[in-house]
Amino acid sequence: MSVTAASGFAAAGVAAGLKASGKRDLAIVQNLGPLSAAATVFTTNRCQANPVIWSRQVIADGVASAIVLNSGGANCYTGAQGFQTTHATAEAVGERLGVSAGDVLVCSTGLIGDQLDLGKLTTGVTDAAAALTAGVGLGADAGLAAAEAIMTTDTKPKQAEHRSPAGWTVGGMAKGAGMLAPGLATMLVVITTDAVLDSAQLDAALRAATRVTFDRLDSDGCMSTNDTVALLGSGASGVAADEAEFAAALTAVCRDLAEQLQADAEGASHDIAIEVVNAASEDDAVTVGRAVSRSNLFKAAIFGNDPNWGRVLAAVGTTDAVFDPYGIDVAINGIQICTAGEPDQPRELVDLTPRAVHILIDLHAGSETATILTNDLTHDYVHENSAYAS
């Protein structure tokens, strides 16, 4: 259940010394072929980290032979020196794996504004590459080590896979626990497949999948500078996948990983699904759901186990979506507490003690729907982010 679930891939995760804790902090995933097809989706933040700038250049031809990822530093707003560090890291991977540096994607995560130690990065690349070339990088343990190496404030590694009866597989790993908001949520994600698909097919499937999964995870409304989702295709199964089946499988893997990110969000005590139905358009449904997900008043109420539906309607009303302000229904955890903008069932009937919370908003304006995933706002979230420095 990892990036090594699909055939044609090897992975390694090592401790390069970038983290003060001494834990694993550098990972490499290598595509062993025969194909080297790839697609990526990056943050839409205009302020982008050096690895994103580099990787945009790498992916321009739809080819990637490997991806190297480090935690312990974002390498963002580190100037020309930081970009050279990214370039040198790709060069080191290319030299040790016998591939072109121009085909090596680079990802970093951690604190913005600090230079990474190139010496430690290079040593880490050497150690990880040695594991790969020695054959140690095959199997679930290698995939787990890579998933652990990209963690920052995550409390657990995040992995998922799907095996098609047709004979191909999709596997993936992700990191992310804070700054979870579109584009993508603050994440590094590597997904691999051994299906025979070209880069254009991978790109179409990836963009369709991220649009309805990672892009609808909005834990705290804060967009990262380093978000990267990479999809690598080895073609090692020898099976040409049906594009519709592959797209559905990829979406399922992305949704699984997105839900794992939500469940591990910093300090959260409730996982909230905001489902908007009967909207005039899908965009309206997303806009309304996102407005509620970003209401600190609403999120604080859920933390306090208070089904304050007035805060839901107040957030809905800040949008430009099509609806009658006095024709909205709201249900929380299955209890209809607002109908047509008026009180319905007593709010005391709503049980918010479980971690999972479902908000259903019916706009009565059309037939479109969308669900946004978020979390509550807790004391622990504030404490963790007031002290974050790694």
Protein backbone atom coordinates (compact mmCIF):
# COMPACT_ATOMS: atom_id res chain seq x y z
CA MET A 1 0.00 0.00 0.00
CA SER A 2 2.49 2.60 -1.16
CA VAL A 3 4.28 4.17 -4.10
CA THR A 4 5.96 0.80 -4.63
CA ALA A 5 2.65 -1.04 -5.02
CA ALA A 6 2.78 -0.50 -8.78
CA SER A 7 5.47 -2.43 -10.62
CA GLY A 8 8.38 -0.53 -12.10
CA PHE A 9 9.06 1.69 -9.10
CA ALA A 10 11.56 1.76 -6.25
CA ALA A 11 11.60 4.07 -3.24
CA ALA A 12 13.80 4.97 -0.30
CA GLY A 13 13.54 7.18 2.76
CA VAL A 14 16.59 8.17 4.80
CA ALA A 15 17.73 10.54 7.54
CA ALA A 16 19.88 13.24 5.99
CA GLY A 17 20.10 15.39 9.12
CA LEU A 18 17.78 18.14 7.90
CA LYS A 19 15.46 17.59 10.86
CA ALA A 20 16.72 18.29 14.35
CA SER A 21 14.84 15.18 15.49
CA GLY A 22 17.12 12.94 13.44
CA LYS A 23 14.13 11.26 11.80
CA ARG A 24 13.90 10.38 8.12
CA ASP A 25 13.76 13.54 6.03
CA LEU A 26 14.68 12.68 2.43
CA ALA A 27 12.95 10.36 -0.01
CA ILE A 28 13.47 9.31 -3.60
CA VAL A 29 10.98 7.52 -5.81
CA GLN A 30 12.50 6.15 -9.02
CA ASN A 31 10.61 5.16 -12.14
CA LEU A 32 12.32 2.05 -13.50
CA GLY A 33 10.33 2.09 -16.71
CA PRO A 34 9.96 1.03 -19.43
CA LEU A 35 7.98 4.29 -19.71
CA SER A 36 8.87 7.56 -17.99
CA ALA A 37 5.54 9.32 -18.45
CA ALA A 38 4.57 11.89 -15.84
CA ALA A 39 2.12 14.64 -14.96
CA THR A 40 2.04 17.18 -12.15
CA VAL A 41 -0.26 19.71 -10.54
CA PHE A 42 1.24 22.54 -8.50
CA THR A 43 0.11 25.18 -6.04
CA THR A 44 -1.74 28.16 -7.50
CA ASN A 45 -0.10 30.45 -4.93
CA ARG A 46 1.76 33.18 -6.82
CA CYS A 47 4.53 32.93 -4.23
CA GLN A 48 6.14 29.62 -5.16
CA ALA A 49 9.09 27.72 -3.74
CA ASN A 50 12.24 26.95 -5.69
CA PRO A 51 11.41 23.24 -6.10
CA VAL A 52 8.08 24.17 -7.72
CA ILE A 53 9.82 26.56 -10.11
CA TRP A 54 12.34 23.82 -11.00
CA SER A 55 9.77 21.06 -11.34
CA ARG A 56 7.58 23.13 -13.66
CA GLN A 57 10.54 23.16 -16.05
CA VAL A 58 11.16 19.43 -15.64
CA ILE A 59 7.59 18.40 -16.41
CA ALA A 60 7.26 20.54 -19.54
CA ASP A 61 8.02 17.54 -21.77
CA GLY A 62 5.88 15.10 -19.76
CA VAL A 63 8.88 13.00 -18.72
CA ALA A 64 10.22 12.25 -15.23
CA SER A 65 12.59 9.48 -14.23
CA ALA A 66 12.63 10.19 -10.49
CA ILE A 67 11.36 12.50 -7.80
CA VAL A 68 13.31 13.58 -4.71
CA LEU A 69 11.53 15.05 -1.71
CA ASN A 70 12.81 16.51 1.53
CA SER A 71 11.19 17.62 4.75
CA GLY A 72 12.96 19.87 7.22
CA GLY A 73 12.84 22.99 5.03
CA ALA A 74 10.63 24.45 2.29
CA ASN A 75 13.44 26.09 0.26
CA CYS A 76 11.07 28.97 -0.41
CA TYR A 77 12.12 32.62 -0.44
CA THR A 78 15.75 31.55 -0.32
CA GLY A 79 16.87 33.45 -3.43
CA ALA A 80 19.33 32.34 -6.07
CA GLN A 81 21.17 30.18 -3.56
CA GLY A 82 18.00 28.25 -2.84
CA PHE A 83 17.34 27.62 -6.53
CA GLN A 84 20.90 26.41 -6.96
CA THR A 85 20.34 24.03 -4.05
CA THR A 86 17.31 22.60 -5.85
CA HIS A 87 19.25 22.30 -9.10
CA ALA A 88 22.21 20.66 -7.35
CA THR A 89 19.91 18.19 -5.62
CA ALA A 90 18.47 17.13 -8.97
CA GLU A 91 21.98 16.87 -10.37
CA ALA A 92 23.00 14.62 -7.48
CA VAL A 93 20.02 12.34 -8.01
CA GLY A 94 20.64 12.20 -11.74
CA GLU A 95 24.32 11.36 -11.30
CA ARG A 96 23.69 8.59 -8.77
CA LEU A 97 20.77 7.02 -10.62
CA GLY A 98 22.18 7.45 -14.11
CA VAL A 99 19.38 9.70 -15.36
CA SER A 100 19.21 13.28 -16.58
CA ALA A 101 18.86 15.94 -13.88
CA GLY A 102 16.35 17.54 -16.20
CA ASP A 103 14.09 14.54 -15.62
CA VAL A 104 14.22 14.74 -11.81
CA LEU A 105 11.32 16.41 -10.01
CA VAL A 106 12.19 18.08 -6.70
CA CYS A 107 9.87 18.74 -3.74
CA SER A 108 10.56 20.36 -0.37
CA THR A 109 8.44 20.98 2.71
CA GLY A 110 9.02 22.73 6.00
CA LEU A 111 9.76 26.25 7.20
CA ILE A 112 9.79 29.08 4.65
CA GLY A 113 12.80 31.40 4.54
CA ASP A 114 15.65 29.13 5.70
CA GLN A 115 18.40 27.81 3.45
CA LEU A 116 18.71 24.04 3.16
CA ASP A 117 22.08 22.45 3.87
CA LEU A 118 23.25 21.23 0.46
CA GLY A 119 25.90 18.98 2.00
CA LYS A 120 23.29 17.13 4.03
CA LEU A 121 20.98 16.92 1.02
CA THR A 122 23.73 15.45 -1.12
CA THR A 123 24.65 12.89 1.53
CA GLY A 124 21.00 11.96 1.86
CA VAL A 125 20.67 11.54 -1.89
CA THR A 126 23.74 9.28 -1.89
CA ASP A 127 22.30 7.10 0.89
CA ALA A 128 18.86 6.91 -0.70
CA ALA A 129 20.26 6.15 -4.14
CA ALA A 130 22.44 3.40 -2.67
CA ALA A 131 19.32 1.75 -1.27
CA LEU A 132 17.61 2.01 -4.63
CA THR A 133 20.49 0.62 -6.67
CA ALA A 134 21.01 -2.21 -4.18
CA GLY A 135 17.43 -3.34 -4.72
CA VAL A 136 16.39 -2.37 -1.20
CA GLY A 137 13.89 0.10 -2.63
CA LEU A 138 11.38 -2.54 -3.69
CA GLY A 139 8.41 -3.52 -1.56
CA ALA A 140 6.07 -2.04 1.02
CA ASP A 141 8.75 -1.29 3.62
CA ALA A 142 10.62 0.91 1.18
CA GLY A 143 7.43 2.75 0.30
CA LEU A 144 6.64 3.29 3.97
CA ALA A 145 10.13 4.67 4.62
CA ALA A 146 9.64 7.19 1.83
CA ALA A 147 6.23 8.19 3.18
CA GLU A 148 7.72 8.74 6.64
CA ALA A 149 10.57 10.85 5.24
CA ILE A 150 8.24 13.52 3.84
CA MET A 151 6.31 14.10 7.08
CA THR A 152 6.47 17.45 8.89
CA THR A 153 3.78 17.99 11.52
CA ASP A 154 2.01 14.86 10.29
CA THR A 155 1.43 12.32 13.03
CA LYS A 156 1.37 9.35 10.66
CA PRO A 157 2.37 8.45 7.09
CA LYS A 158 -0.37 8.50 4.46
CA GLN A 159 -0.57 5.83 1.76
CA ALA A 160 -3.20 4.37 -0.58
CA GLU A 161 -3.49 2.00 -3.50
CA HIS A 162 -5.91 0.54 -6.03
CA ARG A 163 -5.44 -2.71 -7.95
CA SER A 164 -7.40 -3.10 -11.16
CA PRO A 165 -8.74 -6.51 -12.24
CA ALA A 166 -7.27 -5.61 -15.62
CA GLY A 167 -3.79 -6.05 -14.17
CA TRP A 168 -2.53 -2.55 -13.41
CA THR A 169 -2.08 -0.73 -10.11
CA VAL A 170 -2.12 2.80 -8.71
CA GLY A 171 -0.25 3.53 -5.47
CA GLY A 172 0.48 6.74 -3.65
CA MET A 173 1.82 8.59 -0.62
CA ALA A 174 1.07 12.03 0.77
CA LYS A 175 2.08 14.45 3.47
CA GLY A 176 0.15 17.35 4.89
CA ALA A 177 -1.34 18.43 8.20
CA GLY A 178 -1.47 22.23 8.10
CA MET A 179 -1.98 25.00 5.53
CA LEU A 180 -4.60 22.77 3.98
CA ALA A 181 -6.39 24.84 1.34
CA PRO A 182 -6.56 25.01 -2.47
CA GLY A 183 -4.77 24.87 -4.68
CA LEU A 184 -4.31 21.36 -3.64
CA ALA A 185 -4.00 21.80 0.13
CA THR A 186 -0.46 22.02 1.45
CA MET A 187 0.77 18.72 0.36
CA LEU A 188 3.40 16.70 -1.30
CA VAL A 189 1.87 13.73 -3.09
CA VAL A 190 3.53 11.10 -5.24
CA ILE A 191 1.29 8.68 -7.12
CA THR A 192 2.60 5.85 -9.26
CA THR A 193 1.00 3.56 -11.81
CA ASP A 194 2.21 0.71 -13.98
CA ALA A 195 -0.65 1.16 -16.46
CA VAL A 196 0.37 1.89 -20.03
CA LEU A 197 -0.65 5.52 -20.48
CA ASP A 198 1.12 8.49 -22.02
CA SER A 199 1.78 11.79 -20.27
CA ALA A 200 -1.23 13.50 -21.85
CA GLN A 201 -3.53 10.77 -20.56
CA LEU A 202 -1.94 10.96 -17.10
CA ASP A 203 -2.28 14.74 -17.07
CA ALA A 204 -5.97 14.66 -17.97
CA ALA A 205 -6.74 12.05 -15.32
CA LEU A 206 -4.70 13.83 -12.64
CA ARG A 207 -6.34 17.22 -13.17
CA ALA A 208 -9.79 15.66 -13.12
CA ALA A 209 -8.97 13.78 -9.92
CA THR A 210 -7.38 16.65 -7.99
CA ARG A 211 -10.26 18.97 -8.89
CA VAL A 212 -12.75 16.92 -6.89
CA THR A 213 -10.45 15.66 -4.11
CA PHE A 214 -7.40 17.64 -2.99
CA ASP A 215 -8.83 20.91 -4.28
CA ARG A 216 -11.87 20.41 -2.04
CA LEU A 217 -9.89 19.92 1.13
CA ASP A 218 -9.91 23.26 2.95
CA SER A 219 -8.87 22.67 6.51
CA ASP A 220 -7.69 26.14 7.50
CA GLY A 221 -7.95 28.39 4.45
CA CYS A 222 -4.16 28.82 4.21
CA MET A 223 -2.55 28.06 0.84
CA SER A 224 0.98 26.68 0.68
CA THR A 225 3.89 27.76 -1.52
CA ASN A 226 5.16 24.21 -2.14
CA ASP A 227 2.15 22.07 -3.09
CA THR A 228 2.97 19.38 -5.62
CA VAL A 229 1.05 16.34 -6.77
CA ALA A 230 3.07 14.16 -9.13
CA LEU A 231 1.82 11.16 -11.08
CA LEU A 232 4.46 8.84 -12.55
CA GLY A 233 3.71 6.12 -15.10
CA SER A 234 6.08 3.19 -15.69
CA GLY A 235 3.98 1.09 -18.08
CA ALA A 236 5.55 -1.95 -16.40
CA SER A 237 2.28 -3.92 -16.28
CA GLY A 238 2.15 -3.98 -20.06
CA VAL A 239 -1.59 -3.30 -19.83
CA ALA A 240 -3.12 -0.34 -21.62
CA ALA A 241 -5.67 0.94 -19.09
CA ASP A 242 -9.16 1.99 -20.05
CA GLU A 243 -8.99 5.75 -19.52
CA ALA A 244 -12.33 6.02 -17.74
CA GLU A 245 -11.49 3.16 -15.39
CA PHE A 246 -8.07 4.64 -14.69
CA ALA A 247 -9.53 8.07 -13.99
CA ALA A 248 -11.98 6.57 -11.51
CA ALA A 249 -9.22 4.59 -9.78
CA LEU A 250 -6.92 7.61 -9.59
CA THR A 251 -9.73 9.72 -8.16
CA ALA A 252 -10.40 7.05 -5.52
CA VAL A 253 -6.73 7.03 -4.49
CA CYS A 254 -6.63 10.83 -4.36
CA ARG A 255 -9.82 10.91 -2.30
CA ASP A 256 -8.41 8.34 0.13
CA LEU A 257 -5.25 10.40 0.60
CA ALA A 258 -7.22 13.65 0.93
CA GLU A 259 -9.36 12.13 3.67
CA GLN A 260 -6.21 10.93 5.46
CA LEU A 261 -4.86 14.49 5.29
CA GLN A 262 -8.11 15.81 6.73
CA ALA A 263 -8.05 13.26 9.55
CA ASP A 264 -4.49 14.30 10.50
CA ALA A 265 -5.03 18.07 10.31
CA GLU A 266 -3.17 19.99 12.98
CA GLY A 267 -4.99 20.06 16.30
CA ALA A 268 -8.35 19.04 14.84
CA SER A 269 -10.96 17.30 16.98
CA HIS A 270 -13.71 17.12 14.32
CA ASP A 271 -13.56 16.14 10.64
CA ILE A 272 -16.30 18.10 8.85
CA ALA A 273 -17.86 17.30 5.49
CA ILE A 274 -19.87 20.23 4.13
CA GLU A 275 -22.20 18.91 1.43
CA VAL A 276 -24.00 21.51 -0.67
CA VAL A 277 -26.89 20.20 -2.78
CA ASN A 278 -29.32 21.61 -5.32
CA ALA A 279 -27.03 24.45 -6.32
CA ALA A 280 -27.44 26.32 -9.58
CA SER A 281 -23.94 25.23 -10.66
CA GLU A 282 -21.08 23.11 -9.36
CA ASP A 283 -19.04 26.28 -8.89
CA ASP A 284 -21.81 27.71 -6.70
CA ALA A 285 -21.83 24.54 -4.60
CA VAL A 286 -18.05 24.72 -4.14
CA THR A 287 -18.16 28.43 -3.34
CA VAL A 288 -20.83 27.99 -0.68
CA GLY A 289 -19.12 24.97 0.90
CA ARG A 290 -15.78 26.75 0.97
CA ALA A 291 -17.28 29.87 2.55
CA VAL A 292 -18.63 27.80 5.43
CA SER A 293 -15.36 25.88 5.76
CA ARG A 294 -13.48 29.16 6.19
CA SER A 295 -15.76 30.63 8.83
CA ASN A 296 -13.83 30.68 12.09
CA LEU A 297 -17.09 31.29 13.92
CA PHE A 298 -18.58 28.11 12.48
CA LYS A 299 -15.43 26.08 13.07
CA ALA A 300 -15.14 27.27 16.67
CA ALA A 301 -18.79 26.35 17.26
CA ILE A 302 -18.16 22.79 16.04
CA PHE A 303 -15.14 22.58 18.34
CA GLY A 304 -17.45 23.48 21.21
CA ASN A 305 -20.03 20.87 20.09
CA ASP A 306 -22.48 23.70 19.36
CA PRO A 307 -24.73 23.11 16.30
CA ASN A 308 -25.00 26.83 15.61
CA TRP A 309 -26.70 26.77 12.19
CA GLY A 310 -26.95 30.55 12.12
CA ARG A 311 -23.21 30.66 11.51
CA VAL A 312 -23.69 28.36 8.53
CA LEU A 313 -26.27 30.67 6.95
CA ALA A 314 -24.21 33.76 7.73
CA ALA A 315 -21.27 32.24 5.81
CA VAL A 316 -23.46 31.17 2.89
CA GLY A 317 -24.72 34.73 2.60
CA THR A 318 -21.23 36.12 1.96
CA THR A 319 -21.06 34.38 -1.44
CA ASP A 320 -22.34 35.39 -4.88
CA ALA A 321 -23.98 31.99 -5.44
CA VAL A 322 -27.54 31.84 -6.72
CA PHE A 323 -30.08 31.14 -3.95
CA ASP A 324 -33.01 32.59 -2.05
CA PRO A 325 -31.62 33.65 1.35
CA TYR A 326 -34.90 32.61 2.93
CA GLY A 327 -35.19 29.29 1.12
CA ILE A 328 -32.15 27.43 2.52
CA ASP A 329 -32.29 24.19 4.52
CA VAL A 330 -29.54 23.06 6.90
CA ALA A 331 -29.08 19.67 8.55
CA ILE A 332 -26.27 18.71 10.92
CA ASN A 333 -25.49 15.03 11.46
CA GLY A 334 -28.84 14.07 10.03
CA ILE A 335 -30.97 16.45 12.10
CA GLN A 336 -32.93 19.04 10.10
CA ILE A 337 -32.43 22.13 12.23
CA CYS A 338 -33.29 24.76 9.63
CA THR A 339 -35.93 24.68 6.89
CA ALA A 340 -36.49 27.55 4.48
CA GLY A 341 -34.41 29.84 6.66
CA GLU A 342 -36.42 29.12 9.80
CA PRO A 343 -35.86 26.92 12.87
CA ASP A 344 -36.90 23.29 12.48
CA GLN A 345 -35.81 20.50 14.87
CA PRO A 346 -34.36 21.60 18.24
CA ARG A 347 -30.61 21.99 18.02
CA GLU A 348 -30.30 19.98 21.22
CA LEU A 349 -31.04 16.87 19.15
CA VAL A 350 -27.76 17.23 17.26
CA ASP A 351 -24.94 15.07 18.64
CA LEU A 352 -21.54 16.59 17.91
CA THR A 353 -19.52 14.35 20.20
CA PRO A 354 -18.38 12.03 17.37
CA ARG A 355 -15.34 13.17 15.40
CA ALA A 356 -17.18 12.98 12.07
CA VAL A 357 -19.54 15.87 11.34
CA HIS A 358 -21.80 16.17 8.29
CA ILE A 359 -23.30 19.50 7.28
CA LEU A 360 -25.98 19.37 4.58
CA ILE A 361 -26.91 22.67 2.93
CA ASP A 362 -29.79 22.62 0.44
CA LEU A 363 -29.89 25.77 -1.68
CA HIS A 364 -33.01 24.79 -3.67
CA ALA A 365 -31.54 26.60 -6.67
CA GLY A 366 -30.68 23.82 -9.13
CA SER A 367 -29.35 20.27 -9.29
CA GLU A 368 -25.58 20.52 -8.75
CA THR A 369 -23.67 19.35 -5.68
CA ALA A 370 -20.19 19.49 -4.14
CA THR A 371 -18.60 18.54 -0.83
CA ILE A 372 -15.84 20.46 0.94
CA LEU A 373 -13.76 18.78 3.64
CA THR A 374 -12.60 20.82 6.62
CA ASN A 375 -11.92 20.66 10.37
CA ASP A 376 -12.82 22.55 13.50
CA LEU A 377 -10.74 25.36 15.01
CA THR A 378 -9.14 24.27 18.26
CA HIS A 379 -6.80 25.50 20.98
CA ASP A 380 -4.32 22.85 19.85
CA TYR A 381 -4.28 24.25 16.28
CA VAL A 382 -3.43 27.72 17.59
CA HIS A 383 -0.76 26.36 19.94
CA GLU A 384 0.89 24.17 17.31
CA ASN A 385 1.07 26.96 14.76
CA SER A 386 2.33 29.51 17.27
CA ALA A 387 5.36 27.31 17.94
CA TYR A 388 6.03 25.79 14.48
CA ALA A 389 9.63 26.17 13.41
CA SER A 390 10.60 23.02 11.54
